[in-house]
Amino acid sequence: QFMGTNLHRSKTAPAIAVLNDIIHPTIPKPQFGSPSIVRQAFVLVLLYLSLGVIIYWFNRSNFVGHETHPIVDVLYFCIVTICTIGYGDITPNSVTTKLFSILFVLVGFGFIDMLLSGMISYVLDLQENYLLRTVQHGGQKKDSTRSYIIDVKKGRMRIRMKMGLALGVVVLCIGIGVGAMHFVESLGWLDSFYLSVMSVTTVGYGDRVFKTLPGRLFATIWLFVSTLAVARAFLYLAEARVGKRHRKMTKWVLDHDLTISEFLPADIDNNGFVSKLEFVIYKLKELGKVSEKDIMQICETFDRLDVGNCGKITLADLVESHH
C-alpha cells in the first residue's frame, strides 16, 4: 500500500539534529593567533624578561661593559640577547653569568620567539582584515585594484600585498631607528643608517652601539619590534617563492592526463576501473593536498560513523554513533 507513496524528509529531522548537538556539543576548532593567545604570550614574555632582570640584577657585578642605569642596562641586555643581536657592549665574565646567558638565549630563541611570532601574526591578521574590509567596501569601480590586492577565490589578501606591508613596516622601523640614532646617539647619518640596518637584521657587529640612557631606552622597544618585523618580511618572501613554485607544479598536475602506469595507483579499491572520486583523490595526492595516511584516517572515520555498513552515513547513524 506504500508503493505509490512519496517519501519526504521529516520536518523534525533538523530539530533532532539540533537537539543532538546540544546534548553532544561539537568540539570547537582551535583558534591560532586569538586575543587570549596574545595575552598569554605577553604575560609569558614579561615573566621571562622579569626573570632575566632579577638574575642580572643580583649578578650585575659579573657583567662588564658601558653602564648607564642598572635597570635600563639589564632590560637592554635582555632584549639584545633575546633578539639574538649580540652587540657585545655588555658581556658576562663569570661562570654563573655565562651559564645564565646560554640558557637565556636558548630559551628565548626557541620558546619566546615562537610566542612573539604568534603576536605579530595576530597583529598582521588584524591589519589584513581591516584592509580587506576597506577594499571590499570600495565599490565596483575598483575591481582591478581589488583583484590585485585580494584573492577573491580564497577570500584573503594576496601574498605580494602581505609582503609589501611587511617590507613597509621594515622600512619604517629602519627609518625610525636612523632618526633616533642621529638625534639621540649623535651619530652621523651614514653611521645611523648602518647601525639601524645591522640591528634590525640581527647582525650586530658591535662597532656601533647604544651608549646613552635615552638610546638604550629606545632600543629596548625598537629592537623588540623591528627584528620581529624583519623576520616576518623574510617569511613572506619565502612564502611567495614557494607559492610561485607550487602554482607551477599545480598547473602541471592538473593539465597532466592519467597514464597507464598511473592507472593502478589511482584504482584505490582495485576493481578494474578508476571512478571520478578515485581520480579526484589521486590528483589531490599528486598535488600534496592529502597523503595516504590522511585518506586512511578519513576512511576509518567514515566506517566508524557508518553504523549500518551500507556505504552511507544517515542521520540515524549519527544519532546512534553518539550514544
Protein backbone atom coordinates (compact mmCIF):
# COMPACT_ATOMS: atom_id res chain seq x y z
CA GLN A 1 0.00 0.00 0.00
CA PHE A 2 3.03 2.23 0.25
CA MET A 3 4.19 1.66 -3.35
CA GLY A 4 2.65 4.88 -4.64
CA THR A 5 3.51 6.98 -1.61
CA ASN A 6 6.10 9.74 -1.99
CA LEU A 7 8.62 9.74 0.82
CA HIS A 8 9.75 13.09 2.16
CA ARG A 9 12.36 14.10 4.69
CA SER A 10 10.81 14.51 8.10
CA LYS A 11 10.49 18.14 9.17
CA THR A 12 11.57 17.12 12.65
CA ALA A 13 14.97 15.94 11.38
CA PRO A 14 16.63 19.35 11.78
CA ALA A 15 15.23 19.63 15.28
CA ILE A 16 16.61 16.21 16.16
CA ALA A 17 19.99 17.24 14.77
CA VAL A 18 19.99 20.45 16.83
CA LEU A 19 18.90 18.57 19.94
CA ASN A 20 21.69 16.05 19.40
CA ASP A 21 24.23 18.86 19.00
CA ILE A 22 23.06 20.33 22.30
CA ILE A 23 23.40 17.00 24.09
CA HIS A 24 26.69 16.21 22.37
CA PRO A 25 28.24 19.59 21.50
CA THR A 26 30.83 19.62 18.76
CA ILE A 27 34.44 20.29 19.65
CA PRO A 28 35.32 23.85 18.60
CA LYS A 29 38.14 24.37 16.15
CA PRO A 30 41.41 25.57 17.69
CA GLN A 31 41.99 29.28 17.28
CA PHE A 32 45.51 30.38 16.40
CA GLY A 33 46.56 33.93 17.00
CA SER A 34 43.46 34.70 19.09
CA PRO A 35 43.46 37.53 21.66
CA SER A 36 43.73 35.01 24.51
CA ILE A 37 46.90 33.54 22.99
CA VAL A 38 48.29 37.05 22.57
CA ARG A 39 47.59 37.82 26.22
CA GLN A 40 49.24 34.59 27.32
CA ALA A 41 52.25 35.32 25.14
CA PHE A 42 52.53 38.85 26.52
CA VAL A 43 52.39 37.60 30.11
CA LEU A 44 54.97 34.89 29.44
CA VAL A 45 57.31 37.39 27.78
CA LEU A 46 57.02 39.71 30.77
CA LEU A 47 57.71 36.84 33.16
CA TYR A 48 60.67 35.72 31.08
CA LEU A 49 62.16 39.22 30.94
CA SER A 50 61.48 39.68 34.67
CA LEU A 51 63.42 36.50 35.39
CA GLY A 52 66.31 37.80 33.32
CA VAL A 53 66.20 41.18 35.07
CA ILE A 54 66.29 39.55 38.53
CA ILE A 55 69.19 37.24 37.69
CA TYR A 56 71.12 40.07 36.03
CA TRP A 57 70.43 42.42 38.95
CA PHE A 58 71.91 40.07 41.55
CA ASN A 59 74.91 39.31 39.32
CA ARG A 60 75.44 42.71 37.71
CA SER A 61 78.97 42.91 39.12
CA ASN A 62 79.81 39.92 36.91
CA PHE A 63 78.89 41.77 33.70
CA VAL A 64 81.30 44.13 32.02
CA GLY A 65 80.53 46.94 29.62
CA HIS A 66 79.47 50.53 29.29
CA GLU A 67 76.97 51.41 32.06
CA THR A 68 74.14 53.95 32.06
CA HIS A 69 71.46 52.92 34.57
CA PRO A 70 71.22 49.44 36.18
CA ILE A 71 67.55 48.82 35.29
CA VAL A 72 67.89 50.19 31.76
CA ASP A 73 71.11 48.22 31.21
CA VAL A 74 69.53 44.95 32.31
CA LEU A 75 66.50 45.44 30.05
CA TYR A 76 68.78 46.43 27.20
CA PHE A 77 70.96 43.34 27.74
CA CYS A 78 67.92 41.02 27.88
CA ILE A 79 66.37 42.48 24.71
CA VAL A 80 69.67 42.36 22.80
CA THR A 81 70.09 38.75 23.91
CA ILE A 82 66.55 37.56 23.22
CA CYS A 83 66.63 39.17 19.76
CA THR A 84 69.96 37.36 19.10
CA ILE A 85 71.72 40.61 18.10
CA GLY A 86 74.68 40.41 20.49
CA TYR A 87 76.38 43.79 20.18
CA GLY A 88 79.00 42.79 22.74
CA ASP A 89 78.84 46.10 24.64
CA ILE A 90 77.61 44.23 27.76
CA THR A 91 79.08 40.76 28.29
CA PRO A 92 79.17 38.18 31.13
CA ASN A 93 82.55 37.46 32.71
CA SER A 94 81.85 34.68 35.24
CA VAL A 95 80.80 31.04 35.08
CA THR A 96 77.36 31.80 36.56
CA THR A 97 76.53 34.68 34.25
CA LYS A 98 77.82 32.80 31.19
CA LEU A 99 75.62 29.80 32.01
CA PHE A 100 72.71 32.18 32.57
CA SER A 101 73.33 33.84 29.18
CA ILE A 102 73.46 30.45 27.44
CA LEU A 103 70.13 29.32 28.89
CA PHE A 104 68.55 32.72 28.41
CA VAL A 105 69.37 32.93 24.71
CA LEU A 106 68.45 29.28 24.01
CA VAL A 107 65.05 29.55 25.68
CA GLY A 108 64.47 33.00 24.21
CA PHE A 109 65.39 31.91 20.69
CA GLY A 110 63.16 28.85 20.78
CA PHE A 111 60.21 29.35 23.09
CA ILE A 112 59.73 33.10 23.35
CA ASP A 113 60.35 33.75 19.68
CA MET A 114 57.54 31.33 18.83
CA LEU A 115 55.14 33.18 21.10
CA LEU A 116 56.13 36.57 19.80
CA SER A 117 55.68 35.39 16.23
CA GLY A 118 52.12 34.48 17.19
CA MET A 119 51.61 38.00 18.50
CA ILE A 120 52.97 39.54 15.31
CA SER A 121 50.79 37.18 13.23
CA TYR A 122 47.73 38.30 15.16
CA VAL A 123 48.53 41.98 14.62
CA LEU A 124 49.19 41.47 10.90
CA ASP A 125 45.96 39.46 10.57
CA LEU A 126 44.07 42.38 12.09
CA GLN A 127 45.68 44.73 9.58
CA GLU A 128 44.83 42.32 6.76
CA ASN A 129 41.18 42.05 7.83
CA TYR A 130 40.92 45.83 8.06
CA LEU A 131 42.34 46.29 4.55
CA LEU A 132 40.08 43.53 3.21
CA ARG A 133 37.00 45.26 4.60
CA THR A 134 38.17 48.62 3.29
CA VAL A 135 38.80 47.35 -0.24
CA GLN A 136 35.66 45.22 -0.37
CA HIS A 137 33.51 48.20 0.58
CA GLY A 138 35.19 50.40 -2.02
CA GLY A 139 32.59 49.70 -4.68
CA GLN A 140 32.58 48.00 -8.05
CA LYS A 141 34.63 50.72 -9.77
CA LYS A 142 37.81 49.43 -8.17
CA ASP A 143 37.56 45.80 -9.29
CA SER A 144 41.05 45.84 -10.81
CA THR A 145 42.52 47.13 -7.56
CA ARG A 146 40.55 44.60 -5.56
CA SER A 147 41.76 41.72 -7.71
CA TYR A 148 45.36 42.87 -7.31
CA ILE A 149 45.11 43.16 -3.52
CA ILE A 150 42.62 40.39 -2.73
CA ASP A 151 42.49 36.78 -3.86
CA VAL A 152 38.71 36.69 -4.38
CA LYS A 153 38.52 32.89 -4.58
CA LYS A 154 40.39 32.37 -1.33
CA GLY A 155 38.97 35.45 0.38
CA ARG A 156 42.31 36.70 1.66
CA MET A 157 44.99 39.20 0.84
CA ARG A 158 47.47 38.22 -1.82
CA ILE A 159 50.95 37.27 -0.62
CA ARG A 160 52.58 40.09 -2.60
CA MET A 161 50.44 42.59 -0.71
CA LYS A 162 51.31 40.97 2.60
CA MET A 163 54.98 41.11 1.67
CA GLY A 164 54.60 44.76 0.67
CA LEU A 165 53.03 45.60 4.04
CA ALA A 166 55.73 43.73 5.94
CA LEU A 167 58.52 45.41 3.95
CA GLY A 168 56.82 48.75 4.56
CA VAL A 169 56.94 48.09 8.30
CA VAL A 170 60.64 47.17 8.00
CA VAL A 171 61.44 50.39 6.12
CA LEU A 172 59.50 52.35 8.74
CA CYS A 173 61.44 50.67 11.56
CA ILE A 174 64.77 51.38 9.85
CA GLY A 175 63.76 55.00 9.28
CA ILE A 176 62.72 55.48 12.92
CA GLY A 177 65.99 53.90 14.02
CA VAL A 178 68.04 56.17 11.79
CA GLY A 179 66.36 59.28 13.17
CA ALA A 180 66.67 58.17 16.79
CA MET A 181 70.34 57.22 16.46
CA HIS A 182 71.20 60.50 14.75
CA PHE A 183 69.48 62.75 17.27
CA VAL A 184 69.80 60.65 20.44
CA GLU A 185 73.16 58.92 19.97
CA SER A 186 74.66 61.84 17.98
CA LEU A 187 75.80 59.58 15.15
CA GLY A 188 76.23 60.70 11.56
CA TRP A 189 73.54 59.86 9.05
CA LEU A 190 75.58 57.09 7.46
CA ASP A 191 76.54 55.53 10.80
CA SER A 192 72.92 55.83 11.96
CA PHE A 193 71.69 54.03 8.85
CA TYR A 194 74.47 51.45 9.23
CA LEU A 195 73.62 50.71 12.88
CA SER A 196 69.89 50.62 12.13
CA VAL A 197 70.24 48.04 9.36
CA MET A 198 72.77 45.94 11.29
CA SER A 199 70.37 45.93 14.26
CA VAL A 200 67.08 45.03 12.57
CA THR A 201 68.79 42.22 10.63
CA THR A 202 70.29 40.93 13.94
CA VAL A 203 73.84 41.12 12.54
CA GLY A 204 75.09 43.37 15.36
CA TYR A 205 78.78 43.82 14.60
CA GLY A 206 79.24 45.83 17.78
CA ASP A 207 81.39 48.64 16.35
CA ARG A 208 78.40 50.97 16.73
CA VAL A 209 76.16 50.52 19.78
CA PHE A 210 73.74 52.39 22.02
CA LYS A 211 75.71 54.17 24.75
CA THR A 212 73.31 56.76 26.18
CA LEU A 213 70.46 56.21 28.62
CA PRO A 214 67.74 57.54 26.23
CA GLY A 215 69.26 55.49 23.41
CA ARG A 216 69.08 52.24 25.35
CA LEU A 217 65.53 53.00 26.47
CA PHE A 218 64.59 53.47 22.83
CA ALA A 219 66.47 50.31 21.84
CA THR A 220 64.58 48.08 24.30
CA ILE A 221 61.35 48.73 22.40
CA TRP A 222 62.64 49.41 18.90
CA LEU A 223 64.83 46.30 18.68
CA PHE A 224 62.00 44.15 20.01
CA VAL A 225 59.56 45.24 17.29
CA SER A 226 61.87 45.76 14.33
CA THR A 227 63.65 42.38 14.48
CA LEU A 228 60.31 40.57 14.51
CA ALA A 229 59.06 42.69 11.60
CA VAL A 230 62.14 41.80 9.56
CA ALA A 231 61.71 38.09 10.37
CA ARG A 232 58.08 38.29 9.23
CA ALA A 233 59.06 40.03 6.00
CA PHE A 234 61.58 37.31 5.15
CA LEU A 235 58.94 34.70 5.95
CA TYR A 236 56.53 36.29 3.47
CA LEU A 237 59.32 36.47 0.88
CA ALA A 238 60.00 32.75 1.28
CA GLU A 239 56.25 32.06 1.15
CA ALA A 240 55.99 33.99 -2.12
CA ARG A 241 58.82 31.98 -3.70
CA VAL A 242 57.35 28.67 -2.52
CA GLY A 243 53.89 29.74 -3.68
CA LYS A 244 55.14 30.52 -7.18
CA ARG A 245 56.81 27.12 -7.42
CA HIS A 246 53.68 25.43 -6.04
CA ARG A 247 51.47 27.13 -8.65
CA LYS A 248 53.68 25.83 -11.46
CA MET A 249 53.53 22.32 -10.01
CA THR A 250 49.75 22.54 -9.59
CA LYS A 251 49.27 23.60 -13.21
CA TRP A 252 51.38 20.67 -14.41
CA VAL A 253 49.47 18.14 -12.27
CA LEU A 254 46.02 19.42 -13.31
CA ASP A 255 46.93 19.50 -17.00
CA HIS A 256 48.57 16.07 -16.87
CA ASP A 257 46.38 13.19 -18.09
CA LEU A 258 46.21 9.80 -16.42
CA THR A 259 48.75 7.38 -17.91
CA ILE A 260 48.74 3.58 -17.97
CA SER A 261 51.46 3.42 -15.32
CA GLU A 262 49.37 5.64 -13.04
CA PHE A 263 46.17 3.63 -13.52
CA LEU A 264 46.89 1.02 -10.82
CA PRO A 265 47.82 3.54 -8.09
CA ALA A 266 44.70 5.54 -8.95
CA ASP A 267 42.46 2.45 -8.72
CA ILE A 268 42.17 2.57 -4.93
CA ASP A 269 39.67 -0.29 -4.47
CA ASN A 270 41.30 -2.46 -7.22
CA ASN A 271 38.03 -3.06 -9.06
CA GLY A 272 39.48 -2.62 -12.55
CA PHE A 273 38.37 0.97 -13.22
CA VAL A 274 39.00 4.47 -11.85
CA SER A 275 35.91 6.29 -10.70
CA LYS A 276 35.55 10.05 -10.62
CA LEU A 277 36.06 10.06 -6.84
CA GLU A 278 39.20 7.95 -7.14
CA PHE A 279 40.54 10.25 -9.85
CA VAL A 280 39.97 13.31 -7.64
CA ILE A 281 41.69 11.63 -4.68
CA TYR A 282 44.66 10.62 -6.85
CA LYS A 283 45.07 14.18 -8.16
CA LEU A 284 44.87 15.58 -4.61
CA LYS A 285 47.62 13.15 -3.59
CA GLU A 286 49.75 14.27 -6.53
CA LEU A 287 49.22 17.90 -5.51
CA GLY A 288 50.33 17.07 -1.99
CA LYS A 289 46.99 18.20 -0.55
CA VAL A 290 46.42 14.85 1.18
CA SER A 291 48.56 11.85 1.99
CA GLU A 292 47.83 8.13 2.05
CA LYS A 293 47.72 8.32 5.83
CA ASP A 294 45.15 11.13 5.72
CA ILE A 295 42.93 9.11 3.37
CA MET A 296 43.12 6.04 5.61
CA GLN A 297 42.16 8.10 8.67
CA ILE A 298 39.20 9.62 6.79
CA CYS A 299 38.07 6.17 5.68
CA GLU A 300 38.33 4.87 9.25
CA THR A 301 36.22 7.77 10.50
CA PHE A 302 33.63 7.10 7.78
CA ASP A 303 33.49 3.38 8.66
CA ARG A 304 33.03 4.24 12.32
CA LEU A 305 30.14 6.59 11.55
CA ASP A 306 28.57 4.17 9.04
CA VAL A 307 26.93 2.05 11.74
CA GLY A 308 24.77 0.13 9.24
CA ASN A 309 27.74 -0.75 6.98
CA CYS A 310 25.75 0.36 3.94
CA GLY A 311 28.35 2.71 2.48
CA LYS A 312 26.35 5.77 3.52
CA ILE A 313 26.09 7.95 6.62
CA THR A 314 22.50 8.59 7.60
CA LEU A 315 21.04 10.77 10.32
CA ALA A 316 20.16 7.60 12.22
CA ASP A 317 23.80 6.53 12.04
CA LEU A 318 24.92 9.84 13.53
CA VAL A 319 22.39 9.65 16.35
CA GLU A 320 23.39 6.07 17.14
CA SER A 321 27.14 6.79 17.00
CA HIS A 322 26.75 9.47 19.69
CA HIS A 323 25.11 7.07 22.15
